[in-house]
Amino acid sequence: TVRWQNASVANHLPAIPGVTRTDDRTVTVDAPMPDLYR
């Protein structure tokens, strides 16, 4: 889970499959490591 200072970032990231925006500045994604790091 990543909380950004800029809502624009969280607005763009859900275009990546599996990424969910949980509020205006926060996104979350599930994956195994190290795929999650990539």
Full PDB file with SEQRES, HELIX, SHEET, SSBOND, CRYST1, ORIGX, SCALE, CONECT and MASTER records, all heavy atoms in Angstrom:
SEQRES   1 A   38  THR VAL ARG TRP GLN ASN ALA SER VAL ALA ASN HIS LEU          
SEQRES   2 A   38  PRO ALA ILE PRO GLY VAL THR ARG THR ASP ASP ARG THR          
SEQRES   3 A   38  VAL THR VAL ASP ALA PRO MET PRO ASP LEU TYR ARG              
HELIX    1 AA1 ALA A    7  HIS A   12  1                                   6    
HELIX    2 AA2 LEU A   13  ALA A   15  5                                   3    
SHEET    1 AA1 2 THR A  20  ASP A  23  0                                        
SHEET    2 AA1 2 THR A  26  THR A  28 -1                                        
CRYST1    1.000    1.000    1.000  90.00  90.00  90.00 P 1           1          
ORIGX1      1.000000  0.000000  0.000000        0.00000                         
ORIGX2      0.000000  1.000000  0.000000        0.00000                         
ORIGX3      0.000000  0.000000  1.000000        0.00000                         
SCALE1      1.000000  0.000000  0.000000        0.00000                         
SCALE2      0.000000  1.000000  0.000000        0.00000                         
SCALE3      0.000000  0.000000  1.000000        0.00000                         
ATOM      1  N   THR A   1       0.858  -1.186   0.000  1.00  0.00           N  
ATOM      2  CA  THR A   1       0.000   0.000   0.000  1.00  0.00           C  
ATOM      3  C   THR A   1       0.890   1.230   0.000  1.00  0.00           C  
ATOM      4  O   THR A   1       1.848   1.310   0.776  1.00  0.00           O  
ATOM      5  CB  THR A   1      -0.910   0.023   1.240  1.00  0.00           C  
ATOM      6  OG1 THR A   1      -1.679  -1.188   1.288  1.00  0.00           O  
ATOM      7  CG2 THR A   1      -1.850   1.215   1.210  1.00  0.00           C  
ATOM      8  N   VAL A   2       0.593   2.173  -0.886  1.00  0.00           N  
ATOM      9  CA  VAL A   2       1.398   3.391  -1.014  1.00  0.00           C  
ATOM     10  C   VAL A   2       0.474   4.602  -0.935  1.00  0.00           C  
ATOM     11  O   VAL A   2      -0.517   4.694  -1.668  1.00  0.00           O  
ATOM     12  CB  VAL A   2       2.176   3.426  -2.341  1.00  0.00           C  
ATOM     13  CG1 VAL A   2       3.090   4.657  -2.385  1.00  0.00           C  
ATOM     14  CG2 VAL A   2       2.990   2.155  -2.534  1.00  0.00           C  
ATOM     15  N   ARG A   3       0.812   5.528  -0.025  1.00  0.00           N  
ATOM     16  CA  ARG A   3       0.086   6.790   0.063  1.00  0.00           C  
ATOM     17  C   ARG A   3       0.973   7.901  -0.491  1.00  0.00           C  
ATOM     18  O   ARG A   3       2.072   8.136   0.003  1.00  0.00           O  
ATOM     19  CB  ARG A   3      -0.314   7.088   1.502  1.00  0.00           C  
ATOM     20  CG  ARG A   3      -1.163   8.363   1.635  1.00  0.00           C  
ATOM     21  CD  ARG A   3      -1.848   8.444   2.983  1.00  0.00           C  
ATOM     22  NE  ARG A   3      -2.635   9.663   3.130  1.00  0.00           N  
ATOM     23  CZ  ARG A   3      -3.870   9.825   2.638  1.00  0.00           C  
ATOM     24  NH1 ARG A   3      -4.443   8.844   1.956  1.00  0.00           N  
ATOM     25  NH2 ARG A   3      -4.522  10.953   2.827  1.00  0.00           N  
ATOM     26  N   TRP A   4       0.481   8.564  -1.528  1.00  0.00           N  
ATOM     27  CA  TRP A   4       1.233   9.583  -2.240  1.00  0.00           C  
ATOM     28  C   TRP A   4       0.868  10.972  -1.746  1.00  0.00           C  
ATOM     29  O   TRP A   4      -0.237  11.193  -1.245  1.00  0.00           O  
ATOM     30  CB  TRP A   4       0.939   9.500  -3.743  1.00  0.00           C  
ATOM     31  CG  TRP A   4       1.203   8.147  -4.312  1.00  0.00           C  
ATOM     32  CD1 TRP A   4       0.342   7.080  -4.355  1.00  0.00           C  
ATOM     33  CD2 TRP A   4       2.423   7.689  -4.900  1.00  0.00           C  
ATOM     34  NE1 TRP A   4       0.957   5.995  -4.939  1.00  0.00           N  
ATOM     35  CE2 TRP A   4       2.222   6.335  -5.280  1.00  0.00           C  
ATOM     36  CE3 TRP A   4       3.663   8.284  -5.148  1.00  0.00           C  
ATOM     37  CZ2 TRP A   4       3.224   5.588  -5.888  1.00  0.00           C  
ATOM     38  CZ3 TRP A   4       4.650   7.543  -5.758  1.00  0.00           C  
ATOM     39  CH2 TRP A   4       4.424   6.200  -6.127  1.00  0.00           C  
ATOM     40  N   GLN A   5       1.757  11.930  -1.919  1.00  0.00           N  
ATOM     41  CA  GLN A   5       1.432  13.323  -1.654  1.00  0.00           C  
ATOM     42  C   GLN A   5       0.528  13.887  -2.752  1.00  0.00           C  
ATOM     43  O   GLN A   5      -0.308  14.743  -2.504  1.00  0.00           O  
ATOM     44  CB  GLN A   5       2.719  14.162  -1.571  1.00  0.00           C  
ATOM     45  CG  GLN A   5       3.556  13.903  -0.342  1.00  0.00           C  
ATOM     46  CD  GLN A   5       3.010  14.582   0.900  1.00  0.00           C  
ATOM     47  OE1 GLN A   5       2.062  15.365   0.834  1.00  0.00           O  
ATOM     48  NE2 GLN A   5       3.591  14.269   2.039  1.00  0.00           N  
ATOM     49  N   ASN A   6       0.690  13.390  -3.960  1.00  0.00           N  
ATOM     50  CA  ASN A   6       0.018  13.939  -5.135  1.00  0.00           C  
ATOM     51  C   ASN A   6      -1.103  12.999  -5.570  1.00  0.00           C  
ATOM     52  O   ASN A   6      -0.848  11.846  -5.952  1.00  0.00           O  
ATOM     53  CB  ASN A   6       1.056  14.107  -6.260  1.00  0.00           C  
ATOM     54  CG  ASN A   6       0.527  14.881  -7.440  1.00  0.00           C  
ATOM     55  OD1 ASN A   6      -0.649  14.813  -7.790  1.00  0.00           O  
ATOM     56  ND2 ASN A   6       1.417  15.622  -8.086  1.00  0.00           N  
ATOM     57  N   ALA A   7      -2.342  13.477  -5.541  1.00  0.00           N  
ATOM     58  CA  ALA A   7      -3.478  12.643  -5.930  1.00  0.00           C  
ATOM     59  C   ALA A   7      -3.412  12.232  -7.394  1.00  0.00           C  
ATOM     60  O   ALA A   7      -4.000  11.215  -7.787  1.00  0.00           O  
ATOM     61  CB  ALA A   7      -4.786  13.385  -5.654  1.00  0.00           C  
ATOM     62  N   SER A   8      -2.684  12.990  -8.210  1.00  0.00           N  
ATOM     63  CA  SER A   8      -2.570  12.653  -9.627  1.00  0.00           C  
ATOM     64  C   SER A   8      -1.904  11.290  -9.820  1.00  0.00           C  
ATOM     65  O   SER A   8      -2.270  10.537 -10.724  1.00  0.00           O  
ATOM     66  CB  SER A   8      -1.778  13.734 -10.362  1.00  0.00           C  
ATOM     67  OG  SER A   8      -1.669  13.435 -11.734  1.00  0.00           O  
ATOM     68  N   VAL A   9      -0.916  10.973  -8.979  1.00  0.00           N  
ATOM     69  CA  VAL A   9      -0.247   9.680  -9.088  1.00  0.00           C  
ATOM     70  C   VAL A   9      -1.239   8.553  -8.823  1.00  0.00           C  
ATOM     71  O   VAL A   9      -1.343   7.588  -9.595  1.00  0.00           O  
ATOM     72  CB  VAL A   9       0.944   9.592  -8.121  1.00  0.00           C  
ATOM     73  CG1 VAL A   9       1.617   8.225  -8.230  1.00  0.00           C  
ATOM     74  CG2 VAL A   9       1.952  10.698  -8.404  1.00  0.00           C  
ATOM     75  N   ALA A  10      -1.979   8.657  -7.741  1.00  0.00           N  
ATOM     76  CA  ALA A  10      -2.961   7.620  -7.409  1.00  0.00           C  
ATOM     77  C   ALA A  10      -4.053   7.522  -8.461  1.00  0.00           C  
ATOM     78  O   ALA A  10      -4.649   6.450  -8.659  1.00  0.00           O  
ATOM     79  CB  ALA A  10      -3.574   7.916  -6.042  1.00  0.00           C  
ATOM     80  N   ASN A  11      -4.301   8.596  -9.159  1.00  0.00           N  
ATOM     81  CA  ASN A  11      -5.310   8.593 -10.217  1.00  0.00           C  
ATOM     82  C   ASN A  11      -4.852   7.803 -11.433  1.00  0.00           C  
ATOM     83  O   ASN A  11      -5.663   7.185 -12.125  1.00  0.00           O  
ATOM     84  CB  ASN A  11      -5.631  10.033 -10.621  1.00  0.00           C  
ATOM     85  CG  ASN A  11      -6.800  10.123 -11.574  1.00  0.00           C  
ATOM     86  OD1 ASN A  11      -7.845   9.529 -11.359  1.00  0.00           O  
ATOM     87  ND2 ASN A  11      -6.627  10.884 -12.654  1.00  0.00           N  
ATOM     88  N   HIS A  12      -3.541   7.783 -11.704  1.00  0.00           N  
ATOM     89  CA  HIS A  12      -3.012   7.096 -12.884  1.00  0.00           C  
ATOM     90  C   HIS A  12      -2.706   5.619 -12.637  1.00  0.00           C  
ATOM     91  O   HIS A  12      -2.825   4.792 -13.548  1.00  0.00           O  
ATOM     92  CB  HIS A  12      -1.739   7.797 -13.365  1.00  0.00           C  
ATOM     93  CG  HIS A  12      -1.998   9.064 -14.121  1.00  0.00           C  
ATOM     94  ND1 HIS A  12      -2.106   9.104 -15.488  1.00  0.00           N  
ATOM     95  CD2 HIS A  12      -2.180  10.332 -13.686  1.00  0.00           C  
ATOM     96  CE1 HIS A  12      -2.328  10.346 -15.878  1.00  0.00           C  
ATOM     97  NE2 HIS A  12      -2.385  11.111 -14.801  1.00  0.00           N  
ATOM     98  N   LEU A  13      -2.268   5.273 -11.435  1.00  0.00           N  
ATOM     99  CA  LEU A  13      -1.762   3.921 -11.185  1.00  0.00           C  
ATOM    100  C   LEU A  13      -2.788   2.803 -11.366  1.00  0.00           C  
ATOM    101  O   LEU A  13      -2.399   1.695 -11.745  1.00  0.00           O  
ATOM    102  CB  LEU A  13      -1.137   3.844  -9.794  1.00  0.00           C  
ATOM    103  CG  LEU A  13       0.202   4.571  -9.658  1.00  0.00           C  
ATOM    104  CD1 LEU A  13       0.657   4.576  -8.214  1.00  0.00           C  
ATOM    105  CD2 LEU A  13       1.266   3.922 -10.537  1.00  0.00           C  
ATOM    106  N   PRO A  14      -4.098   3.015 -11.141  1.00  0.00           N  
ATOM    107  CA  PRO A  14      -5.040   1.914 -11.364  1.00  0.00           C  
ATOM    108  C   PRO A  14      -5.140   1.438 -12.810  1.00  0.00           C  
ATOM    109  O   PRO A  14      -5.779   0.411 -13.083  1.00  0.00           O  
ATOM    110  CB  PRO A  14      -6.378   2.499 -10.868  1.00  0.00           C  
ATOM    111  CG  PRO A  14      -5.981   3.493  -9.835  1.00  0.00           C  
ATOM    112  CD  PRO A  14      -4.730   4.119 -10.393  1.00  0.00           C  
ATOM    113  N   ALA A  15      -4.495   2.141 -13.744  1.00  0.00           N  
ATOM    114  CA  ALA A  15      -4.410   1.628 -15.118  1.00  0.00           C  
ATOM    115  C   ALA A  15      -3.560   0.374 -15.183  1.00  0.00           C  
ATOM    116  O   ALA A  15      -3.643  -0.391 -16.155  1.00  0.00           O  
ATOM    117  CB  ALA A  15      -3.840   2.703 -16.045  1.00  0.00           C  
ATOM    118  N   ILE A  16      -2.733   0.133 -14.161  1.00  0.00           N  
ATOM    119  CA  ILE A  16      -1.931  -1.083 -14.079  1.00  0.00           C  
ATOM    120  C   ILE A  16      -2.817  -2.205 -13.536  1.00  0.00           C  
ATOM    121  O   ILE A  16      -3.419  -2.049 -12.474  1.00  0.00           O  
ATOM    122  CB  ILE A  16      -0.710  -0.883 -13.162  1.00  0.00           C  
ATOM    123  CG1 ILE A  16       0.171   0.256 -13.687  1.00  0.00           C  
ATOM    124  CG2 ILE A  16       0.088  -2.176 -13.042  1.00  0.00           C  
ATOM    125  CD1 ILE A  16       1.279   0.654 -12.729  1.00  0.00           C  
ATOM    126  N   PRO A  17      -2.959  -3.328 -14.236  1.00  0.00           N  
ATOM    127  CA  PRO A  17      -3.819  -4.411 -13.746  1.00  0.00           C  
ATOM    128  C   PRO A  17      -3.470  -4.835 -12.328  1.00  0.00           C  
ATOM    129  O   PRO A  17      -2.298  -5.010 -11.985  1.00  0.00           O  
ATOM    130  CB  PRO A  17      -3.554  -5.538 -14.754  1.00  0.00           C  
ATOM    131  CG  PRO A  17      -3.142  -4.829 -16.009  1.00  0.00           C  
ATOM    132  CD  PRO A  17      -2.362  -3.638 -15.547  1.00  0.00           C  
ATOM    133  N   GLY A  18      -4.490  -4.958 -11.497  1.00  0.00           N  
ATOM    134  CA  GLY A  18      -4.314  -5.399 -10.123  1.00  0.00           C  
ATOM    135  C   GLY A  18      -4.181  -4.287  -9.119  1.00  0.00           C  
ATOM    136  O   GLY A  18      -4.268  -4.523  -7.907  1.00  0.00           O  
ATOM    137  N   VAL A  19      -3.963  -3.056  -9.595  1.00  0.00           N  
ATOM    138  CA  VAL A  19      -3.795  -1.925  -8.681  1.00  0.00           C  
ATOM    139  C   VAL A  19      -5.159  -1.298  -8.388  1.00  0.00           C  
ATOM    140  O   VAL A  19      -5.938  -1.027  -9.306  1.00  0.00           O  
ATOM    141  CB  VAL A  19      -2.844  -0.869  -9.276  1.00  0.00           C  
ATOM    142  CG1 VAL A  19      -2.728   0.343  -8.340  1.00  0.00           C  
ATOM    143  CG2 VAL A  19      -1.468  -1.480  -9.533  1.00  0.00           C  
ATOM    144  N   THR A  20      -5.431  -1.063  -7.106  1.00  0.00           N  
ATOM    145  CA  THR A  20      -6.696  -0.488  -6.676  1.00  0.00           C  
ATOM    146  C   THR A  20      -6.437   0.816  -5.932  1.00  0.00           C  
ATOM    147  O   THR A  20      -5.539   0.891  -5.092  1.00  0.00           O  
ATOM    148  CB  THR A  20      -7.438  -1.456  -5.733  1.00  0.00           C  
ATOM    149  OG1 THR A  20      -7.671  -2.686  -6.422  1.00  0.00           O  
ATOM    150  CG2 THR A  20      -8.768  -0.873  -5.276  1.00  0.00           C  
ATOM    151  N   ARG A  21      -7.231   1.821  -6.217  1.00  0.00           N  
ATOM    152  CA  ARG A  21      -7.151   3.074  -5.463  1.00  0.00           C  
ATOM    153  C   ARG A  21      -8.142   3.007  -4.312  1.00  0.00           C  
ATOM    154  O   ARG A  21      -9.339   2.789  -4.524  1.00  0.00           O  
ATOM    155  CB  ARG A  21      -7.457   4.273  -6.366  1.00  0.00           C  
ATOM    156  CG  ARG A  21      -7.269   5.604  -5.676  1.00  0.00           C  
ATOM    157  CD  ARG A  21      -7.410   6.769  -6.628  1.00  0.00           C  
ATOM    158  NE  ARG A  21      -8.746   6.838  -7.211  1.00  0.00           N  
ATOM    159  CZ  ARG A  21      -9.169   7.825  -7.991  1.00  0.00           C  
ATOM    160  NH1 ARG A  21      -8.335   8.803  -8.316  1.00  0.00           N  
ATOM    161  NH2 ARG A  21     -10.379   7.826  -8.480  1.00  0.00           N  
ATOM    162  N   THR A  22      -7.667   3.194  -3.105  1.00  0.00           N  
ATOM    163  CA  THR A  22      -8.532   3.083  -1.923  1.00  0.00           C  
ATOM    164  C   THR A  22      -9.014   4.435  -1.419  1.00  0.00           C  
ATOM    165  O   THR A  22      -9.982   4.494  -0.667  1.00  0.00           O  
ATOM    166  CB  THR A  22      -7.808   2.343  -0.790  1.00  0.00           C  
ATOM    167  OG1 THR A  22      -6.601   3.043  -0.459  1.00  0.00           O  
ATOM    168  CG2 THR A  22      -7.460   0.926  -1.220  1.00  0.00           C  
ATOM    169  N   ASP A  23      -8.322   5.509  -1.771  1.00  0.00           N  
ATOM    170  CA  ASP A  23      -8.812   6.872  -1.569  1.00  0.00           C  
ATOM    171  C   ASP A  23      -8.068   7.757  -2.556  1.00  0.00           C  
ATOM    172  O   ASP A  23      -7.335   7.251  -3.414  1.00  0.00           O  
ATOM    173  CB  ASP A  23      -8.673   7.341  -0.112  1.00  0.00           C  
ATOM    174  CG  ASP A  23      -7.221   7.440   0.377  1.00  0.00           C  
ATOM    175  OD1 ASP A  23      -6.332   7.810  -0.423  1.00  0.00           O  
ATOM    176  OD2 ASP A  23      -6.978   7.147   1.560  1.00  0.00           O  
ATOM    177  N   ASP A  24      -8.223   9.054  -2.457  1.00  0.00           N  
ATOM    178  CA  ASP A  24      -7.679   9.955  -3.475  1.00  0.00           C  
ATOM    179  C   ASP A  24      -6.170   9.833  -3.644  1.00  0.00           C  
ATOM    180  O   ASP A  24      -5.641  10.101  -4.731  1.00  0.00           O  
ATOM    181  CB  ASP A  24      -8.017  11.411  -3.135  1.00  0.00           C  
ATOM    182  CG  ASP A  24      -9.435  11.781  -3.503  1.00  0.00           C  
ATOM    183  OD1 ASP A  24     -10.112  10.954  -4.140  1.00  0.00           O  
ATOM    184  OD2 ASP A  24      -9.880  12.891  -3.143  1.00  0.00           O  
ATOM    185  N   ARG A  25      -5.441   9.448  -2.577  1.00  0.00           N  
ATOM    186  CA  ARG A  25      -3.978   9.433  -2.647  1.00  0.00           C  
ATOM    187  C   ARG A  25      -3.358   8.076  -2.325  1.00  0.00           C  
ATOM    188  O   ARG A  25      -2.136   7.982  -2.226  1.00  0.00           O  
ATOM    189  CB  ARG A  25      -3.407  10.501  -1.703  1.00  0.00           C  
ATOM    190  CG  ARG A  25      -3.737  11.913  -2.129  1.00  0.00           C  
ATOM    191  CD  ARG A  25      -2.962  12.966  -1.352  1.00  0.00           C  
ATOM    192  NE  ARG A  25      -3.429  13.104   0.020  1.00  0.00           N  
ATOM    193  CZ  ARG A  25      -2.667  12.970   1.085  1.00  0.00           C  
ATOM    194  NH1 ARG A  25      -1.390  12.673   0.964  1.00  0.00           N  
ATOM    195  NH2 ARG A  25      -3.168  13.135   2.295  1.00  0.00           N  
ATOM    196  N   THR A  26      -4.164   7.037  -2.194  1.00  0.00           N  
ATOM    197  CA  THR A  26      -3.639   5.742  -1.748  1.00  0.00           C  
ATOM    198  C   THR A  26      -3.996   4.642  -2.731  1.00  0.00           C  
ATOM    199  O   THR A  26      -5.133   4.554  -3.195  1.00  0.00           O  
ATOM    200  CB  THR A  26      -4.196   5.379  -0.355  1.00  0.00           C  
ATOM    201  OG1 THR A  26      -3.969   6.475   0.532  1.00  0.00           O  
ATOM    202  CG2 THR A  26      -3.529   4.132   0.189  1.00  0.00           C  
ATOM    203  N   VAL A  27      -3.000   3.811  -3.047  1.00  0.00           N  
ATOM    204  CA  VAL A  27      -3.227   2.647  -3.911  1.00  0.00           C  
ATOM    205  C   VAL A  27      -2.710   1.400  -3.216  1.00  0.00           C  
ATOM    206  O   VAL A  27      -1.823   1.465  -2.354  1.00  0.00           O  
ATOM    207  CB  VAL A  27      -2.543   2.800  -5.286  1.00  0.00           C  
ATOM    208  CG1 VAL A  27      -3.104   3.981  -6.052  1.00  0.00           C  
ATOM    209  CG2 VAL A  27      -1.033   2.913  -5.140  1.00  0.00           C  
ATOM    210  N   THR A  28      -3.241   0.255  -3.613  1.00  0.00           N  
ATOM    211  CA  THR A  28      -2.805  -1.013  -3.049  1.00  0.00           C  
ATOM    212  C   THR A  28      -2.745  -2.062  -4.149  1.00  0.00           C  
ATOM    213  O   THR A  28      -3.464  -1.978  -5.150  1.00  0.00           O  
ATOM    214  CB  THR A  28      -3.750  -1.466  -1.911  1.00  0.00           C  
ATOM    215  OG1 THR A  28      -3.212  -2.613  -1.271  1.00  0.00           O  
ATOM    216  CG2 THR A  28      -5.148  -1.779  -2.434  1.00  0.00           C  
ATOM    217  N   VAL A  29      -1.850  -3.043  -3.964  1.00  0.00           N  
ATOM    218  CA  VAL A  29      -1.710  -4.121  -4.930  1.00  0.00           C  
ATOM    219  C   VAL A  29      -1.182  -5.358  -4.209  1.00  0.00           C  
ATOM    220  O   VAL A  29      -0.428  -5.238  -3.232  1.00  0.00           O  
ATOM    221  CB  VAL A  29      -0.764  -3.713  -6.091  1.00  0.00           C  
ATOM    222  CG1 VAL A  29       0.661  -3.485  -5.599  1.00  0.00           C  
ATOM    223  CG2 VAL A  29      -0.800  -4.726  -7.223  1.00  0.00           C  
ATOM    224  N   ASP A  30      -1.576  -6.540  -4.668  1.00  0.00           N  
ATOM    225  CA  ASP A  30      -1.138  -7.805  -4.086  1.00  0.00           C  
ATOM    226  C   ASP A  30      -0.318  -8.584  -5.107  1.00  0.00           C  
ATOM    227  O   ASP A  30      -0.710  -8.711  -6.278  1.00  0.00           O  
ATOM    228  CB  ASP A  30      -2.341  -8.667  -3.682  1.00  0.00           C  
ATOM    229  CG  ASP A  30      -3.194  -8.027  -2.601  1.00  0.00           C  
ATOM    230  OD1 ASP A  30      -2.664  -7.173  -1.865  1.00  0.00           O  
ATOM    231  OD2 ASP A  30      -4.384  -8.372  -2.502  1.00  0.00           O  
ATOM    232  N   ALA A  31       0.822  -9.105  -4.662  1.00  0.00           N  
ATOM    233  CA  ALA A  31       1.688  -9.924  -5.515  1.00  0.00           C  
ATOM    234  C   ALA A  31       2.753 -10.556  -4.628  1.00  0.00           C  
ATOM    235  O   ALA A  31       3.025 -10.063  -3.527  1.00  0.00           O  
ATOM    236  CB  ALA A  31       2.348  -9.096  -6.616  1.00  0.00           C  
ATOM    237  N   PRO A  32       3.368 -11.642  -5.076  1.00  0.00           N  
ATOM    238  CA  PRO A  32       4.500 -12.191  -4.318  1.00  0.00           C  
ATOM    239  C   PRO A  32       5.749 -11.343  -4.507  1.00  0.00           C  
ATOM    240  O   PRO A  32       5.905 -10.660  -5.510  1.00  0.00           O  
ATOM    241  CB  PRO A  32       4.678 -13.586  -4.929  1.00  0.00           C  
ATOM    242  CG  PRO A  32       4.137 -13.465  -6.312  1.00  0.00           C  
ATOM    243  CD  PRO A  32       3.028 -12.459  -6.254  1.00  0.00           C  
ATOM    244  N   MET A  33       6.628 -11.376  -3.525  1.00  0.00           N  
ATOM    245  CA  MET A  33       7.961 -10.801  -3.684  1.00  0.00           C  
ATOM    246  C   MET A  33       8.801 -11.793  -4.496  1.00  0.00           C  
ATOM    247  O   MET A  33       8.618 -12.990  -4.351  1.00  0.00           O  
ATOM    248  CB  MET A  33       8.618 -10.598  -2.316  1.00  0.00           C  
ATOM    249  CG  MET A  33       8.117  -9.398  -1.554  1.00  0.00           C  
ATOM    250  SD  MET A  33       8.756  -7.861  -2.283  1.00  0.00           S  
ATOM    251  CE  MET A  33       8.410  -6.719  -0.936  1.00  0.00           C  
ATOM    252  N   PRO A  34       9.736 -11.377  -5.333  1.00  0.00           N  
ATOM    253  CA  PRO A  34      10.116  -9.993  -5.625  1.00  0.00           C  
ATOM    254  C   PRO A  34       9.328  -9.340  -6.755  1.00  0.00           C  
ATOM    255  O   PRO A  34       9.655  -8.232  -7.172  1.00  0.00           O  
ATOM    256  CB  PRO A  34      11.591 -10.132  -5.997  1.00  0.00           C  
ATOM    257  CG  PRO A  34      11.667 -11.470  -6.645  1.00  0.00           C  
ATOM    258  CD  PRO A  34      10.667 -12.345  -5.929  1.00  0.00           C  
ATOM    259  N   ASP A  35       8.276 -10.030  -7.262  1.00  0.00           N  
ATOM    260  CA  ASP A  35       7.460  -9.417  -8.316  1.00  0.00           C  
ATOM    261  C   ASP A  35       6.872  -8.090  -7.839  1.00  0.00           C  
ATOM    262  O   ASP A  35       6.753  -7.136  -8.615  1.00  0.00           O  
ATOM    263  CB  ASP A  35       6.327 -10.364  -8.719  1.00  0.00           C  
ATOM    264  CG  ASP A  35       6.820 -11.692  -9.254  1.00  0.00           C  
ATOM    265  OD1 ASP A  35       7.978 -11.749  -9.696  1.00  0.00           O  
ATOM    266  OD2 ASP A  35       6.059 -12.677  -9.219  1.00  0.00           O  
ATOM    267  N   LEU A  36       6.511  -8.041  -6.562  1.00  0.00           N  
ATOM    268  CA  LEU A  36       5.940  -6.824  -6.003  1.00  0.00           C  
ATOM    269  C   LEU A  36       6.951  -5.678  -6.049  1.00  0.00           C  
ATOM    270  O   LEU A  36       6.588  -4.522  -6.292  1.00  0.00           O  
ATOM    271  CB  LEU A  36       5.502  -7.082  -4.557  1.00  0.00           C  
ATOM    272  CG  LEU A  36       4.547  -6.076  -3.926  1.00  0.00           C  
ATOM    273  CD1 LEU A  36       3.222  -6.054  -4.676  1.00  0.00           C  
ATOM    274  CD2 LEU A  36       4.305  -6.430  -2.461  1.00  0.00           C  
ATOM    275  N   TYR A  37       8.220  -5.996  -5.834  1.00  0.00           N  
ATOM    276  CA  TYR A  37       9.265  -4.971  -5.886  1.00  0.00           C  
ATOM    277  C   TYR A  37       9.402  -4.416  -7.301  1.00  0.00           C  
ATOM    278  O   TYR A  37       9.539  -3.213  -7.493  1.00  0.00           O  
ATOM    279  CB  TYR A  37      10.591  -5.569  -5.410  1.00  0.00           C  
ATOM    280  CG  TYR A  37      11.641  -4.532  -5.065  1.00  0.00           C  
ATOM    281  CD1 TYR A  37      11.751  -4.035  -3.770  1.00  0.00           C  
ATOM    282  CD2 TYR A  37      12.522  -4.054  -6.026  1.00  0.00           C  
ATOM    283  CE1 TYR A  37      12.710  -3.082  -3.449  1.00  0.00           C  
ATOM    284  CE2 TYR A  37      13.480  -3.100  -5.711  1.00  0.00           C  
ATOM    285  CZ  TYR A  37      13.570  -2.624  -4.422  1.00  0.00           C  
ATOM    286  OH  TYR A  37      14.515  -1.679  -4.107  1.00  0.00           O  
ATOM    287  N   ARG A  38       9.348  -5.298  -8.279  1.00  0.00           N  
ATOM    288  CA  ARG A  38       9.427  -4.846  -9.680  1.00  0.00           C  
ATOM    289  C   ARG A  38       8.215  -3.979 -10.028  1.00  0.00           C  
ATOM    290  O   ARG A  38       8.348  -2.949 -10.697  1.00  0.00           O  
ATOM    291  CB  ARG A  38       9.516  -6.043 -10.613  1.00  0.00           C  
ATOM    292  CG  ARG A  38       9.609  -5.663 -12.079  1.00  0.00           C  
ATOM    293  CD  ARG A  38       9.926  -6.849 -12.952  1.00  0.00           C  
ATOM    294  NE  ARG A  38      10.121  -6.450 -14.334  1.00  0.00           N  
ATOM    295  CZ  ARG A  38      10.930  -7.072 -15.178  1.00  0.00           C  
ATOM    296  NH1 ARG A  38      11.643  -8.113 -14.782  1.00  0.00           N  
ATOM    297  NH2 ARG A  38      11.050  -6.661 -16.418  1.00  0.00           N  
TER     298      ARG A  38                                                      
MASTER        0    0    0    2    2    0    0    6  297    1    0    3          
END                                                                             
